[in-house]
Amino acid sequence: DIRAPHFNGQRFLNPWEREDRNQAALFKWILTRQSQTWPRWCQNQQFSLPPARYSESLNAWKVWFVGHATLLLQIGPYNFLTDPVWGERCSPFKNAGPKRVRAAGIALEDLPPIDAVLLSHNHYDHLDTASLLWLHEHHQMPIVTGLGNGVYLRQYGMNVVELDWWQSHSFAEGVDIHYLPAKHFSGRGVRDRNAALWGGLSVVTPHGHAFFAGDTGYAPHFEEIKQRLGAPRVALLPIGAYEPRALMKQVHMNPTDAVQAHKDLATRNSISMHFNTFQLTDESIDAPAQALTEALRQQGVPSEEFVVMLEGEGRVC
């Protein structure tokens, strides 16, 4: 029994505005777009691998950018993985759909022991069943996600914790995982649109919280997250998949939006994600990082507060 402004009794929705995307224009774009304007393959730089456990101290944090929306959060002795996607394509089809143009920055077998997966929603570039199956077999970790997403995972025996927005899961002493609002949508086929909830997540500790925004358009929820949980110690914010703007504005932030979200959250430590691996929309592969540099300059935010990391790179937070 869900009683919430983001649920109408059958489907989830975004409570901030009722304006839907122009479906006819979206369909026309899908049929006519140039979907392969990126390089066919990009070689990653090599970085040292993460340790099995970063620190005994819950106040010692390091974030590793694996690629797209997959990041490894090492918070004291715990390892959290966001939206794990190691698949070659983010698609229901083996030979069609967006294909990765670079390897993951950390191979599956090079991961440290994973204590929990933070799963934002069920789109194919965020929920990759094969990657989750491998992780389940090797790490047996819980998957913390939004309401309705367990139906895609429990059939494989995975341990799924489903939460509504603003609900939390007690992970360990002093560590809670919160499921938080996002402005997006869900669905893996034609019949399950918005049947499961989408959102972001935060790992909340006595030493601050790590906020993973998931997939989201810009909305007032960033300010509300700051009001309820405080300014994040680190925020993982999407900067890619935003053109054509008229069709993407509702569901994906562009770098200008992302900088505003950074300011709304009042964090001094944002890390870019959701770019550079899969061509989902029309902007060039280099455009998000370049536009972020310009947006930071225009909005008067120091560049060291909102960084672009390379795949495989780690950063102390």
Protein backbone atom coordinates (compact mmCIF):
# COMPACT_ATOMS: atom_id res chain seq x y z
CA ASP A 1 0.00 0.00 0.00
CA ILE A 2 1.96 3.01 -1.29
CA ARG A 3 0.57 6.43 -0.43
CA ALA A 4 2.81 9.00 -2.02
CA PRO A 5 2.59 11.95 -4.42
CA HIS A 6 4.83 10.01 -6.83
CA PHE A 7 2.45 7.02 -7.15
CA ASN A 8 -1.03 7.07 -8.70
CA GLY A 9 -2.10 3.60 -7.62
CA GLN A 10 -0.68 1.86 -10.68
CA ARG A 11 2.38 3.75 -11.90
CA PHE A 12 5.10 5.92 -10.44
CA LEU A 13 5.47 9.52 -11.62
CA ASN A 14 7.48 12.68 -11.07
CA PRO A 15 5.64 14.91 -8.57
CA TRP A 16 7.30 18.21 -9.51
CA GLU A 17 5.63 18.64 -12.89
CA ARG A 18 3.20 16.72 -15.04
CA GLU A 19 4.66 17.79 -18.38
CA ASP A 20 5.49 14.71 -20.43
CA ARG A 21 7.99 14.52 -23.25
CA ASN A 22 6.62 14.88 -26.77
CA GLN A 23 6.36 11.19 -27.63
CA ALA A 24 5.88 11.79 -31.37
CA ALA A 25 9.01 13.92 -31.52
CA LEU A 26 10.88 11.37 -29.41
CA PHE A 27 9.88 8.52 -31.72
CA LYS A 28 10.89 10.53 -34.79
CA TRP A 29 14.27 11.30 -33.21
CA ILE A 30 14.85 7.61 -32.41
CA LEU A 31 14.12 6.66 -36.04
CA THR A 32 16.20 9.38 -37.70
CA ARG A 33 19.11 10.09 -35.31
CA GLN A 34 22.77 9.51 -36.10
CA SER A 35 23.48 7.00 -33.32
CA GLN A 36 27.12 6.19 -34.07
CA THR A 37 29.04 9.47 -34.25
CA TRP A 38 31.43 8.60 -31.40
CA PRO A 39 34.78 6.84 -31.88
CA ARG A 40 34.40 3.07 -32.21
CA TRP A 41 36.91 2.41 -29.42
CA CYS A 42 38.87 4.45 -26.88
CA GLN A 43 41.82 3.10 -24.90
CA ASN A 44 41.80 3.74 -21.16
CA GLN A 45 44.77 4.89 -19.13
CA GLN A 46 46.08 2.40 -16.57
CA PHE A 47 45.71 3.07 -12.85
CA SER A 48 46.54 1.12 -9.71
CA LEU A 49 43.77 -1.17 -8.45
CA PRO A 50 41.69 -0.46 -5.35
CA PRO A 51 42.70 -2.23 -2.12
CA ALA A 52 40.48 -4.96 -0.67
CA ARG A 53 39.56 -2.65 2.21
CA TYR A 54 40.42 1.04 2.17
CA SER A 55 40.60 1.78 5.89
CA GLU A 56 39.45 0.66 9.32
CA SER A 57 38.34 4.24 9.91
CA LEU A 58 34.81 5.09 8.77
CA ASN A 59 36.09 8.64 8.19
CA ALA A 60 38.46 7.57 5.36
CA TRP A 61 36.81 7.58 1.91
CA LYS A 62 37.92 6.96 -1.65
CA VAL A 63 35.81 6.97 -4.82
CA TRP A 64 36.78 5.10 -8.00
CA PHE A 65 35.24 5.87 -11.40
CA VAL A 66 34.67 2.59 -13.23
CA GLY A 67 32.69 4.07 -16.15
CA HIS A 68 29.28 5.50 -17.07
CA ALA A 69 27.22 5.30 -13.84
CA THR A 70 29.37 2.60 -12.23
CA LEU A 71 31.51 3.84 -9.35
CA LEU A 72 33.16 2.09 -6.42
CA LEU A 73 32.73 3.84 -3.07
CA GLN A 74 35.25 2.77 -0.45
CA ILE A 75 33.93 4.14 2.83
CA GLY A 76 36.16 2.99 5.67
CA PRO A 77 36.07 -0.83 5.66
CA TYR A 78 33.05 -1.04 3.32
CA ASN A 79 32.83 -1.28 -0.47
CA PHE A 80 29.72 -0.06 -2.32
CA LEU A 81 29.15 -0.32 -6.06
CA THR A 82 26.72 1.91 -7.99
CA ASP A 83 24.72 0.71 -11.04
CA PRO A 84 27.18 -2.03 -12.09
CA VAL A 85 27.34 -2.35 -15.88
CA TRP A 86 30.15 -4.39 -17.44
CA GLY A 87 28.10 -5.59 -20.43
CA GLU A 88 29.17 -4.82 -24.00
CA ARG A 89 25.77 -3.27 -24.80
CA CYS A 90 23.12 -1.55 -22.70
CA SER A 91 20.20 -3.08 -24.55
CA PRO A 92 17.73 -5.98 -24.43
CA PHE A 93 19.38 -7.27 -27.62
CA LYS A 94 22.78 -8.95 -27.99
CA ASN A 95 23.59 -7.41 -31.37
CA ALA A 96 21.80 -4.05 -31.28
CA GLY A 97 21.62 -1.02 -29.06
CA PRO A 98 24.30 1.28 -27.58
CA LYS A 99 27.70 -0.44 -27.51
CA ARG A 100 30.46 0.53 -25.14
CA VAL A 101 33.36 2.44 -26.69
CA ARG A 102 35.81 1.72 -23.85
CA ALA A 103 36.43 -1.01 -21.29
CA ALA A 104 35.37 -0.61 -17.69
CA GLY A 105 38.11 1.12 -15.73
CA ILE A 106 38.26 -1.79 -13.26
CA ALA A 107 37.64 -5.38 -14.41
CA LEU A 108 35.02 -7.41 -12.53
CA GLU A 109 37.66 -9.82 -11.25
CA ASP A 110 39.79 -6.90 -9.98
CA LEU A 111 37.06 -5.53 -7.72
CA PRO A 112 37.51 -5.71 -3.96
CA PRO A 113 34.85 -7.62 -1.95
CA ILE A 114 31.55 -5.82 -2.60
CA ASP A 115 29.37 -5.27 0.48
CA ALA A 116 26.32 -3.75 -1.24
CA VAL A 117 25.13 -2.59 -4.66
CA LEU A 118 23.33 0.75 -4.94
CA LEU A 119 20.91 0.36 -7.87
CA SER A 120 19.15 3.53 -9.03
CA HIS A 121 16.62 2.16 -11.54
CA ASN A 122 15.99 -0.47 -14.18
CA HIS A 123 17.13 1.06 -17.50
CA TYR A 124 19.62 -1.13 -19.37
CA ASP A 125 22.55 1.26 -18.92
CA HIS A 126 22.05 1.01 -15.13
CA LEU A 127 20.62 -2.46 -14.46
CA ASP A 128 22.75 -5.05 -16.27
CA THR A 129 21.48 -8.50 -15.29
CA ALA A 130 24.65 -10.33 -16.37
CA SER A 131 26.89 -8.05 -14.28
CA LEU A 132 24.61 -8.39 -11.25
CA LEU A 133 24.56 -12.18 -11.64
CA TRP A 134 28.38 -12.30 -11.66
CA LEU A 135 28.54 -10.06 -8.60
CA HIS A 136 25.88 -12.12 -6.81
CA GLU A 137 27.78 -15.36 -7.46
CA HIS A 138 31.09 -13.92 -6.27
CA HIS A 139 30.04 -11.54 -3.48
CA GLN A 140 26.46 -12.47 -2.35
CA MET A 141 25.88 -8.80 -1.53
CA PRO A 142 22.50 -7.12 -1.00
CA ILE A 143 21.15 -4.89 -3.78
CA VAL A 144 19.46 -1.74 -2.44
CA THR A 145 17.04 -0.22 -4.94
CA GLY A 146 13.61 1.34 -5.47
CA LEU A 147 10.17 -0.23 -5.16
CA GLY A 148 9.30 -2.71 -7.90
CA ASN A 149 12.83 -3.46 -9.08
CA GLY A 150 13.06 -6.75 -7.21
CA VAL A 151 10.88 -8.42 -9.85
CA TYR A 152 13.81 -8.23 -12.29
CA LEU A 153 16.30 -9.73 -9.82
CA ARG A 154 14.74 -12.09 -7.29
CA GLN A 155 14.12 -14.75 -9.94
CA TYR A 156 17.92 -15.22 -9.93
CA GLY A 157 18.07 -15.61 -6.15
CA MET A 158 19.51 -12.15 -5.53
CA ASN A 159 19.08 -10.46 -2.16
CA VAL A 160 17.09 -7.30 -2.94
CA VAL A 161 16.14 -4.50 -0.53
CA GLU A 162 13.36 -2.34 -2.05
CA LEU A 163 12.76 1.16 -0.70
CA ASP A 164 10.45 4.07 -1.40
CA TRP A 165 11.84 7.60 -1.63
CA TRP A 166 13.16 8.78 1.76
CA GLN A 167 13.17 5.29 3.23
CA SER A 168 16.43 3.82 4.54
CA HIS A 169 18.07 0.46 5.09
CA SER A 170 20.24 -0.14 8.14
CA PHE A 171 23.42 -1.54 6.58
CA ALA A 172 25.87 -1.64 9.49
CA GLU A 173 26.43 0.10 12.79
CA GLY A 174 26.49 3.80 12.00
CA VAL A 175 25.87 3.25 8.27
CA ASP A 176 22.46 3.57 6.60
CA ILE A 177 21.57 3.51 2.90
CA HIS A 178 18.83 5.97 1.91
CA TYR A 179 16.78 5.81 -1.31
CA LEU A 180 16.14 9.33 -2.58
CA PRO A 181 14.07 11.13 -5.23
CA ALA A 182 15.12 11.64 -8.83
CA LYS A 183 13.31 13.08 -11.85
CA HIS A 184 13.31 10.27 -14.39
CA PHE A 185 11.25 7.24 -15.51
CA SER A 186 11.61 3.45 -15.69
CA GLY A 187 10.96 0.46 -17.90
CA ARG A 188 12.77 -2.37 -19.66
CA GLY A 189 10.04 -3.13 -22.21
CA VAL A 190 6.80 -1.76 -23.61
CA ARG A 191 4.59 -3.07 -20.80
CA ASP A 192 6.45 -2.09 -17.63
CA ARG A 193 6.87 1.67 -18.11
CA ASN A 194 7.01 3.39 -14.71
CA ALA A 195 5.90 0.20 -12.91
CA ALA A 196 9.09 0.37 -10.81
CA LEU A 197 10.53 3.36 -8.97
CA TRP A 198 13.65 5.30 -9.96
CA GLY A 199 15.84 7.33 -7.63
CA GLY A 200 19.24 8.14 -6.20
CA LEU A 201 20.89 6.75 -3.08
CA SER A 202 23.06 7.99 -0.23
CA VAL A 203 25.35 6.10 2.10
CA VAL A 204 24.90 7.99 5.36
CA THR A 205 27.57 7.80 8.07
CA PRO A 206 28.51 9.84 11.16
CA HIS A 207 31.19 11.42 8.92
CA GLY A 208 28.88 12.66 6.16
CA HIS A 209 27.00 11.05 3.30
CA ALA A 210 27.94 9.94 -0.21
CA PHE A 211 25.15 10.88 -2.63
CA PHE A 212 24.69 8.99 -5.91
CA ALA A 213 22.14 10.92 -8.00
CA GLY A 214 21.23 8.09 -10.39
CA ASP A 215 19.66 9.24 -13.65
CA THR A 216 17.79 12.51 -13.27
CA GLY A 217 16.61 15.72 -14.78
CA TYR A 218 17.03 18.90 -12.76
CA ALA A 219 14.33 19.42 -10.09
CA PRO A 220 13.92 20.79 -6.54
CA HIS A 221 14.83 17.44 -4.99
CA PHE A 222 18.50 18.37 -4.67
CA GLU A 223 17.69 21.16 -2.24
CA GLU A 224 15.38 18.87 -0.29
CA ILE A 225 18.11 16.22 -0.01
CA LYS A 226 20.46 18.85 1.41
CA GLN A 227 17.78 20.00 3.86
CA ARG A 228 17.04 16.47 5.08
CA LEU A 229 20.48 14.85 5.05
CA GLY A 230 22.84 17.83 5.00
CA ALA A 231 25.34 18.73 2.30
CA PRO A 232 26.92 15.57 0.87
CA ARG A 233 30.57 14.90 1.57
CA VAL A 234 30.71 13.71 -2.05
CA ALA A 235 28.07 13.88 -4.80
CA LEU A 236 28.12 11.69 -7.92
CA LEU A 237 26.26 13.71 -10.55
CA PRO A 238 25.33 12.85 -14.18
CA ILE A 239 26.59 15.23 -16.87
CA GLY A 240 25.89 13.36 -20.15
CA ALA A 241 23.09 12.17 -22.47
CA TYR A 242 21.37 15.55 -22.83
CA GLU A 243 20.93 16.38 -26.56
CA PRO A 244 18.54 17.16 -28.23
CA ARG A 245 17.72 19.31 -25.21
CA ALA A 246 13.95 19.62 -25.83
CA LEU A 247 13.59 15.83 -25.64
CA MET A 248 16.11 15.11 -22.88
CA LYS A 249 15.55 18.01 -20.47
CA GLN A 250 12.85 16.18 -18.48
CA VAL A 251 14.98 13.13 -17.72
CA HIS A 252 18.70 14.04 -18.04
CA MET A 253 20.66 16.99 -16.70
CA ASN A 254 23.12 18.79 -18.92
CA PRO A 255 26.35 20.15 -17.37
CA THR A 256 24.74 23.52 -16.61
CA ASP A 257 21.97 21.72 -14.68
CA ALA A 258 24.54 19.54 -12.94
CA VAL A 259 26.46 22.58 -11.68
CA GLN A 260 23.19 24.03 -10.34
CA ALA A 261 22.52 20.71 -8.60
CA HIS A 262 26.03 20.86 -7.11
CA LYS A 263 25.19 24.32 -5.74
CA ASP A 264 21.76 23.20 -4.45
CA LEU A 265 23.42 20.35 -2.57
CA ALA A 266 26.07 22.74 -1.16
CA THR A 267 28.70 20.04 -1.62
CA ARG A 268 32.32 20.93 -2.29
CA ASN A 269 33.12 17.58 -3.85
CA SER A 270 31.18 16.48 -6.95
CA ILE A 271 32.29 13.76 -9.35
CA SER A 272 30.98 13.49 -12.93
CA MET A 273 29.32 10.34 -14.23
CA HIS A 274 26.91 9.12 -16.95
CA PHE A 275 29.12 10.03 -19.91
CA ASN A 276 32.03 8.73 -22.02
CA THR A 277 31.07 5.02 -22.37
CA PHE A 278 27.78 4.56 -24.28
CA GLN A 279 26.45 6.90 -26.97
CA LEU A 280 22.87 7.36 -25.77
CA THR A 281 22.11 10.77 -27.30
CA ASP A 282 23.41 13.29 -29.85
CA GLU A 283 26.21 15.23 -28.15
CA SER A 284 29.81 14.29 -29.01
CA ILE A 285 31.86 12.16 -26.64
CA ASP A 286 33.94 15.17 -25.53
CA ALA A 287 31.05 17.63 -25.15
CA PRO A 288 29.97 16.90 -21.53
CA ALA A 289 33.41 17.49 -20.00
CA GLN A 290 33.98 20.62 -22.10
CA ALA A 291 30.52 22.00 -21.28
CA LEU A 292 31.09 21.29 -17.58
CA THR A 293 34.27 23.39 -17.59
CA GLU A 294 32.32 26.28 -19.15
CA ALA A 295 29.32 25.88 -16.80
CA LEU A 296 31.58 25.97 -13.74
CA ARG A 297 33.23 29.14 -15.04
CA GLN A 298 29.89 30.80 -15.81
CA GLN A 299 28.39 29.91 -12.42
CA GLY A 300 31.50 30.87 -10.46
CA VAL A 301 32.22 27.42 -9.05
CA PRO A 302 35.89 26.47 -8.57
CA SER A 303 36.86 23.70 -10.99
CA GLU A 304 38.32 21.53 -8.20
CA GLU A 305 34.83 21.28 -6.64
CA PHE A 306 33.34 19.35 -9.60
CA VAL A 307 35.78 17.02 -11.30
CA VAL A 308 35.90 14.71 -14.30
CA MET A 309 37.76 11.50 -13.47
CA LEU A 310 39.20 9.00 -15.92
CA GLU A 311 37.97 5.42 -16.01
CA GLY A 312 39.86 3.48 -13.34
CA GLU A 313 40.97 6.59 -11.46
CA GLY A 314 40.50 6.90 -7.69
CA ARG A 315 40.02 10.04 -5.61
CA VAL A 316 40.20 10.55 -1.86
CA CYS A 317 37.10 12.40 -0.63
